[in-house]
Amino acid sequence: MEKNTFKYNKKLEASLNNSFLEASKDKDFCKLITTIKVDKEVAKKYTSALEDTVYELRNCKNCKGLYECKNQVEGHVSYPEKDNFGNLIFVSKPCKYFKEIKVVNTDEFKNENARMKDIDVNDKKRVKLINWVVKFFDNYDPYKVQKGLYLNGSFGAGKTFIISALFNELKLTKKARCEIVYFPELLRSLKDNWNSYEDKISYLEEVDLLLIDDIGAEKVTEWGRDEVLGTILQYRMDKGKTTFFTSNLTIDELENHLSLTNNNVDMVKARRIIERIKQLTESVELISDNRRN
C-alpha cells in the first residue's frame, strides 16, 4: 500500500511540475507570480487557478464595459491572495466598471425621498424632459393607458433622479404603486434565488409604474433578454402597464447591444424587444453635465 501511495505521489508531483513548467512559458503567468510574491513550490499547486486569473486579466485589458465581460463572475477577476499559512486563496475582485455601477446604484437609490420640487429646472438641457414629466404627472390616471419614457443620455445627467422624483410624487399624491429595478442587479438576483423567480416576475409585470433602470449595462444572455426582459415587457404591453427605461444608450445602440450574446448575433430577437419598448414609451434624450462630480 505504501509503495502504491509513493508512486501516486511521485506521479502527481511530476504532473504538477509539467503543468507549471508549461504555464511558465507565458510571461503574464510569470509576472503574476512575481506580483503576488508567492513561492514557486506553492504556486505549482495552484497552476490551473493561476492560469484562470491570467485569462481573466487579459479579458479585462480591452473590455469596454460589463456588457462585454467574459469572466466567470461578471465584473470580477478571480485573483490570488496569500493566507496566514502562505497558501493561496482566490477572491473575486471587482473591476472598474463594476465599482462604477455599484457607486451609481448606491447613489441613485438614495433618491427615495426625491420630490419633483427637488428637480433642477435651471438647466436648459432639461426643459423638454421636465415638460414631459410635468405633463405626465398632471394627466396620470391609473385607469388609463399612458406611455412611459425611454430616457437615454449621458452618464450622471440625473436621469434616474428625475424619474424617481416623479414616482415618489405619484406614490404620495395619487397612491400609485411604483417600482424601480436596476436591471443588471435584477438579473443577478433572479439567478441567485430561483425560488422567488416567479413571484418577482409576476410583481414586475403587475406593478402600476415600472422603471427598468440602466438597461444596456447588463451582460446580454438569451435568458436575460428573452425570458426575463421579453416576458415582463410582453405582459406589460398587453395589459397597458406604464413602463419607463433609463439608459446610456440610444434606442439603436440598445438594439445592437441586445443582439450580441456569447459571440452569437440575433437581430430578430433584439428587434422584438426594441419594438416592445417603442410600443410602451416615448423617447427623450438628456445630454447634460455629470452631476456626480
Protein backbone atom coordinates (compact mmCIF):
# COMPACT_ATOMS: atom_id res chain seq x y z
CA MET A 1 0.00 0.00 0.00
CA GLU A 2 2.80 2.41 0.91
CA LYS A 3 4.56 1.66 -2.40
CA ASN A 4 1.40 2.49 -4.35
CA THR A 5 0.94 5.71 -2.38
CA PHE A 6 4.56 6.66 -3.02
CA LYS A 7 4.16 6.02 -6.75
CA TYR A 8 0.95 8.05 -6.81
CA ASN A 9 2.60 11.00 -5.05
CA LYS A 10 5.56 10.89 -7.44
CA LYS A 11 3.19 10.81 -10.40
CA LEU A 12 1.19 13.74 -9.03
CA GLU A 13 4.34 15.75 -8.36
CA ALA A 14 5.59 15.11 -11.89
CA SER A 15 2.24 16.19 -13.31
CA LEU A 16 2.29 19.41 -11.25
CA ASN A 17 5.85 20.15 -12.37
CA ASN A 18 4.99 19.64 -16.03
CA SER A 19 1.90 21.84 -15.81
CA PHE A 20 3.83 24.56 -14.02
CA LEU A 21 6.73 24.48 -16.50
CA GLU A 22 4.30 24.73 -19.40
CA ALA A 23 2.42 27.62 -17.78
CA SER A 24 5.72 29.40 -17.01
CA LYS A 25 6.32 29.86 -20.73
CA ASP A 26 3.67 32.57 -20.52
CA LYS A 27 5.22 35.90 -19.49
CA ASP A 28 1.93 37.07 -17.95
CA PHE A 29 1.81 33.95 -15.79
CA CYS A 30 5.35 34.63 -14.55
CA LYS A 31 4.52 38.29 -13.96
CA LEU A 32 1.52 37.33 -11.83
CA ILE A 33 3.63 35.04 -9.62
CA THR A 34 6.19 37.81 -9.18
CA THR A 35 3.47 40.33 -8.33
CA ILE A 36 1.86 38.23 -5.61
CA LYS A 37 5.32 37.17 -4.27
CA VAL A 38 4.46 33.51 -3.85
CA ASP A 39 6.96 30.69 -3.51
CA LYS A 40 7.33 28.62 -6.68
CA GLU A 41 6.59 25.38 -4.83
CA VAL A 42 3.34 26.82 -3.56
CA ALA A 43 2.44 28.22 -6.97
CA LYS A 44 2.78 24.75 -8.52
CA LYS A 45 -0.23 23.57 -6.52
CA TYR A 46 -2.39 26.32 -8.00
CA THR A 47 -1.21 26.35 -11.62
CA SER A 48 -4.66 25.88 -13.11
CA ALA A 49 -6.28 28.56 -10.92
CA LEU A 50 -3.43 30.98 -11.64
CA GLU A 51 -3.87 30.39 -15.37
CA ASP A 52 -7.56 31.25 -14.93
CA THR A 53 -6.53 34.54 -13.32
CA VAL A 54 -4.20 35.34 -16.22
CA TYR A 55 -7.00 34.57 -18.69
CA GLU A 56 -9.46 36.84 -16.85
CA LEU A 57 -6.93 39.67 -16.56
CA ARG A 58 -6.43 39.51 -20.32
CA ASN A 59 -10.18 39.70 -20.83
CA CYS A 60 -10.19 42.91 -18.80
CA LYS A 61 -7.45 44.63 -20.83
CA ASN A 62 -9.61 45.70 -23.76
CA CYS A 63 -13.03 45.43 -22.12
CA LYS A 64 -15.33 48.43 -22.67
CA GLY A 65 -17.98 47.64 -20.06
CA LEU A 66 -19.85 44.98 -18.08
CA TYR A 67 -21.88 44.03 -21.12
CA GLU A 68 -18.66 42.69 -22.72
CA CYS A 69 -17.46 40.78 -19.64
CA LYS A 70 -16.25 37.24 -20.43
CA ASN A 71 -15.15 36.31 -16.91
CA GLN A 72 -16.80 33.65 -14.80
CA VAL A 73 -18.21 36.21 -12.34
CA GLU A 74 -19.43 39.26 -14.23
CA GLY A 75 -17.43 42.39 -13.41
CA HIS A 76 -14.88 40.49 -11.32
CA VAL A 77 -11.49 38.81 -11.60
CA SER A 78 -10.57 35.68 -9.65
CA TYR A 79 -7.38 36.97 -8.02
CA PRO A 80 -4.91 35.12 -5.73
CA GLU A 81 -4.05 36.26 -2.22
CA LYS A 82 -1.83 34.61 0.40
CA ASP A 83 -3.39 33.39 3.63
CA ASN A 84 -1.69 33.32 7.02
CA PHE A 85 -0.05 29.99 6.21
CA GLY A 86 1.47 31.07 2.88
CA ASN A 87 -1.10 29.21 0.78
CA LEU A 88 -3.20 30.86 -1.91
CA ILE A 89 -6.86 31.72 -1.75
CA PHE A 90 -8.72 33.14 -4.74
CA VAL A 91 -11.10 36.05 -4.22
CA SER A 92 -13.39 37.82 -6.68
CA LYS A 93 -12.11 41.37 -7.11
CA PRO A 94 -14.44 43.90 -8.79
CA CYS A 95 -13.28 45.65 -11.94
CA LYS A 96 -13.52 49.41 -12.51
CA TYR A 97 -16.83 49.09 -14.38
CA PHE A 98 -18.47 47.08 -11.61
CA LYS A 99 -17.27 49.58 -8.99
CA GLU A 100 -18.63 52.45 -11.08
CA ILE A 101 -22.01 50.77 -11.47
CA LYS A 102 -22.29 49.93 -7.78
CA VAL A 103 -21.49 53.51 -6.85
CA VAL A 104 -24.12 54.74 -9.27
CA ASN A 105 -26.61 52.25 -7.92
CA THR A 106 -25.97 53.25 -4.31
CA ASP A 107 -26.14 56.97 -5.06
CA GLU A 108 -29.23 56.84 -7.18
CA PHE A 109 -31.23 54.74 -4.78
CA LYS A 110 -30.72 57.43 -2.17
CA ASN A 111 -33.44 59.08 -4.25
CA GLU A 112 -36.13 57.52 -2.07
CA ASN A 113 -37.08 60.98 -0.76
CA ALA A 114 -36.68 62.86 -4.04
CA ARG A 115 -39.65 65.04 -4.99
CA MET A 116 -40.47 66.98 -8.12
CA LYS A 117 -39.69 70.26 -6.33
CA ASP A 118 -36.10 68.99 -5.96
CA ILE A 119 -35.54 68.77 -9.74
CA ASP A 120 -33.15 71.43 -11.03
CA VAL A 121 -35.16 73.42 -13.59
CA ASN A 122 -32.38 75.88 -14.42
CA ASP A 123 -30.58 73.54 -16.80
CA LYS A 124 -31.88 74.41 -20.29
CA LYS A 125 -30.90 70.94 -21.48
CA ARG A 126 -33.62 69.52 -19.23
CA VAL A 127 -36.53 71.63 -20.47
CA LYS A 128 -38.02 69.03 -22.80
CA LEU A 129 -37.71 66.29 -20.18
CA ILE A 130 -39.18 68.38 -17.36
CA ASN A 131 -42.13 69.42 -19.52
CA TRP A 132 -42.78 65.77 -20.29
CA VAL A 133 -42.59 64.77 -16.62
CA VAL A 134 -44.95 67.55 -15.50
CA LYS A 135 -47.46 66.68 -18.22
CA PHE A 136 -47.33 63.00 -17.29
CA PHE A 137 -47.91 63.82 -13.62
CA ASP A 138 -50.85 66.11 -14.36
CA ASN A 139 -52.51 63.56 -16.64
CA TYR A 140 -51.75 60.42 -14.65
CA ASP A 141 -54.74 58.16 -14.23
CA PRO A 142 -54.24 54.53 -13.10
CA TYR A 143 -57.30 53.51 -15.15
CA LYS A 144 -56.00 54.90 -18.44
CA VAL A 145 -53.27 53.58 -20.69
CA GLN A 146 -50.32 56.00 -20.72
CA LYS A 147 -46.98 55.62 -22.43
CA GLY A 148 -43.89 55.75 -20.28
CA LEU A 149 -40.48 57.11 -21.20
CA TYR A 150 -37.31 55.76 -22.76
CA LEU A 151 -34.83 58.24 -21.29
CA ASN A 152 -31.31 57.92 -22.63
CA GLY A 153 -28.36 60.22 -22.29
CA SER A 154 -25.04 61.00 -20.74
CA PHE A 155 -23.67 59.38 -17.60
CA GLY A 156 -24.62 61.15 -14.38
CA ALA A 157 -27.06 63.60 -16.00
CA GLY A 158 -29.76 62.83 -13.43
CA LYS A 159 -31.98 60.50 -15.45
CA THR A 160 -32.83 58.18 -12.57
CA PHE A 161 -33.21 61.04 -10.09
CA ILE A 162 -35.86 62.75 -12.20
CA ILE A 163 -37.90 59.59 -12.75
CA SER A 164 -37.54 58.72 -9.03
CA ALA A 165 -38.89 62.16 -8.12
CA LEU A 166 -41.86 61.63 -10.42
CA PHE A 167 -42.57 58.18 -8.97
CA ASN A 168 -42.30 59.42 -5.37
CA GLU A 169 -44.70 62.28 -6.14
CA LEU A 170 -47.20 59.86 -7.69
CA LYS A 171 -46.92 57.49 -4.74
CA LEU A 172 -47.67 60.23 -2.24
CA THR A 173 -50.34 62.18 -4.07
CA LYS A 174 -52.07 59.60 -6.28
CA LYS A 175 -51.33 56.35 -4.43
CA ALA A 176 -49.60 54.82 -7.47
CA ARG A 177 -47.71 51.56 -6.99
CA CYS A 178 -44.22 52.22 -8.36
CA GLU A 179 -41.09 50.14 -8.63
CA ILE A 180 -37.53 50.89 -9.76
CA VAL A 181 -35.26 47.98 -10.68
CA TYR A 182 -31.61 48.33 -11.57
CA PHE A 183 -31.58 45.90 -14.47
CA PRO A 184 -28.12 44.25 -14.10
CA GLU A 185 -28.82 43.67 -10.40
CA LEU A 186 -32.28 42.26 -11.15
CA LEU A 187 -30.74 39.60 -13.41
CA ARG A 188 -28.16 38.69 -10.75
CA SER A 189 -30.78 38.41 -8.01
CA LEU A 190 -33.02 36.21 -10.14
CA LYS A 191 -30.12 33.85 -10.83
CA ASP A 192 -29.15 33.74 -7.17
CA ASN A 193 -32.64 32.96 -5.88
CA TRP A 194 -34.66 30.78 -8.22
CA ASN A 195 -37.28 30.14 -5.52
CA SER A 196 -38.50 33.72 -5.79
CA TYR A 197 -38.24 33.92 -9.61
CA GLU A 198 -41.95 33.61 -10.40
CA ASP A 199 -43.02 35.95 -7.61
CA LYS A 200 -40.58 38.67 -8.69
CA ILE A 201 -41.51 38.42 -12.37
CA SER A 202 -45.21 38.48 -11.54
CA TYR A 203 -44.78 41.56 -9.35
CA LEU A 204 -42.82 43.43 -12.04
CA GLU A 205 -45.47 42.54 -14.60
CA GLU A 206 -48.31 43.87 -12.47
CA VAL A 207 -46.96 46.98 -10.69
CA ASP A 208 -48.60 50.24 -11.87
CA LEU A 209 -45.41 52.07 -12.84
CA LEU A 210 -42.10 50.32 -13.51
CA LEU A 211 -38.70 51.86 -14.18
CA ILE A 212 -36.11 49.49 -15.68
CA ASP A 213 -33.01 51.45 -14.78
CA ASP A 214 -29.75 51.37 -16.75
CA ILE A 215 -30.83 48.90 -19.39
CA GLY A 216 -27.86 48.24 -21.65
CA ALA A 217 -25.38 48.00 -18.75
CA GLU A 218 -26.02 44.27 -18.34
CA LYS A 219 -24.16 41.38 -19.93
CA VAL A 220 -26.57 40.06 -22.55
CA THR A 221 -27.70 36.44 -22.39
CA GLU A 222 -30.57 34.81 -24.23
CA TRP A 223 -32.19 34.03 -20.87
CA GLY A 224 -31.96 37.61 -19.57
CA ARG A 225 -33.12 39.13 -22.85
CA ASP A 226 -35.86 36.72 -23.89
CA GLU A 227 -37.08 35.02 -20.72
CA VAL A 228 -36.78 37.91 -18.25
CA LEU A 229 -36.94 41.20 -20.15
CA GLY A 230 -39.08 39.89 -23.00
CA THR A 231 -41.59 38.25 -20.66
CA ILE A 232 -42.03 41.35 -18.50
CA LEU A 233 -42.35 43.71 -21.46
CA GLN A 234 -44.82 41.50 -23.36
CA TYR A 235 -47.12 41.28 -20.36
CA ARG A 236 -46.96 44.99 -19.62
CA MET A 237 -47.56 45.83 -23.27
CA ASP A 238 -50.59 43.50 -23.43
CA LYS A 239 -52.07 44.92 -20.22
CA GLY A 240 -51.30 48.58 -20.96
CA LYS A 241 -48.96 48.94 -17.96
CA THR A 242 -46.86 52.12 -17.95
CA THR A 243 -43.15 51.38 -18.21
CA PHE A 244 -40.06 53.60 -18.06
CA PHE A 245 -36.45 52.96 -19.03
CA THR A 246 -33.19 54.78 -18.43
CA SER A 247 -30.05 54.03 -20.42
CA ASN A 248 -26.75 55.47 -21.55
CA LEU A 249 -27.53 54.00 -24.98
CA THR A 250 -29.74 55.35 -27.74
CA ILE A 251 -32.53 53.03 -28.83
CA ASP A 252 -30.49 51.99 -31.90
CA GLU A 253 -27.41 51.31 -29.77
CA LEU A 254 -29.55 49.27 -27.38
CA GLU A 255 -30.83 47.15 -30.27
CA ASN A 256 -27.26 46.36 -31.29
CA HIS A 257 -26.33 45.62 -27.67
CA LEU A 258 -29.25 43.22 -27.20
CA SER A 259 -28.39 41.33 -30.39
CA LEU A 260 -25.00 40.12 -29.10
CA THR A 261 -24.94 37.06 -26.83
CA ASN A 262 -21.84 34.88 -26.37
CA ASN A 263 -20.49 35.58 -29.85
CA ASN A 264 -23.92 34.97 -31.40
CA VAL A 265 -25.80 37.70 -33.23
CA ASP A 266 -29.61 37.61 -33.19
CA MET A 267 -31.02 40.82 -34.63
CA VAL A 268 -34.55 39.37 -34.84
CA LYS A 269 -34.92 38.81 -31.08
CA ALA A 270 -33.23 42.12 -30.32
CA ARG A 271 -35.64 43.91 -32.68
CA ARG A 272 -38.57 42.20 -30.95
CA ILE A 273 -37.50 43.70 -27.60
CA ILE A 274 -36.97 47.12 -29.16
CA GLU A 275 -40.44 47.07 -30.75
CA ARG A 276 -41.97 46.35 -27.34
CA ILE A 277 -40.03 49.25 -25.82
CA LYS A 278 -41.23 51.56 -28.60
CA GLN A 279 -44.84 50.44 -28.03
CA LEU A 280 -44.51 51.18 -24.32
CA THR A 281 -42.65 54.50 -24.39
CA GLU A 282 -41.91 57.87 -25.87
CA SER A 283 -38.24 58.70 -26.32
CA VAL A 284 -36.38 61.64 -24.79
CA GLU A 285 -32.63 62.28 -24.69
CA LEU A 286 -30.84 64.08 -21.86
CA ILE A 287 -27.27 65.15 -22.59
CA SER A 288 -26.03 67.25 -19.70
CA ASP A 289 -23.24 67.69 -17.16
CA ASN A 290 -22.25 64.83 -14.87
CA ARG A 291 -23.88 65.78 -11.56
CA ARG A 292 -21.98 63.16 -9.63
CA ASN A 293 -18.68 65.01 -9.97
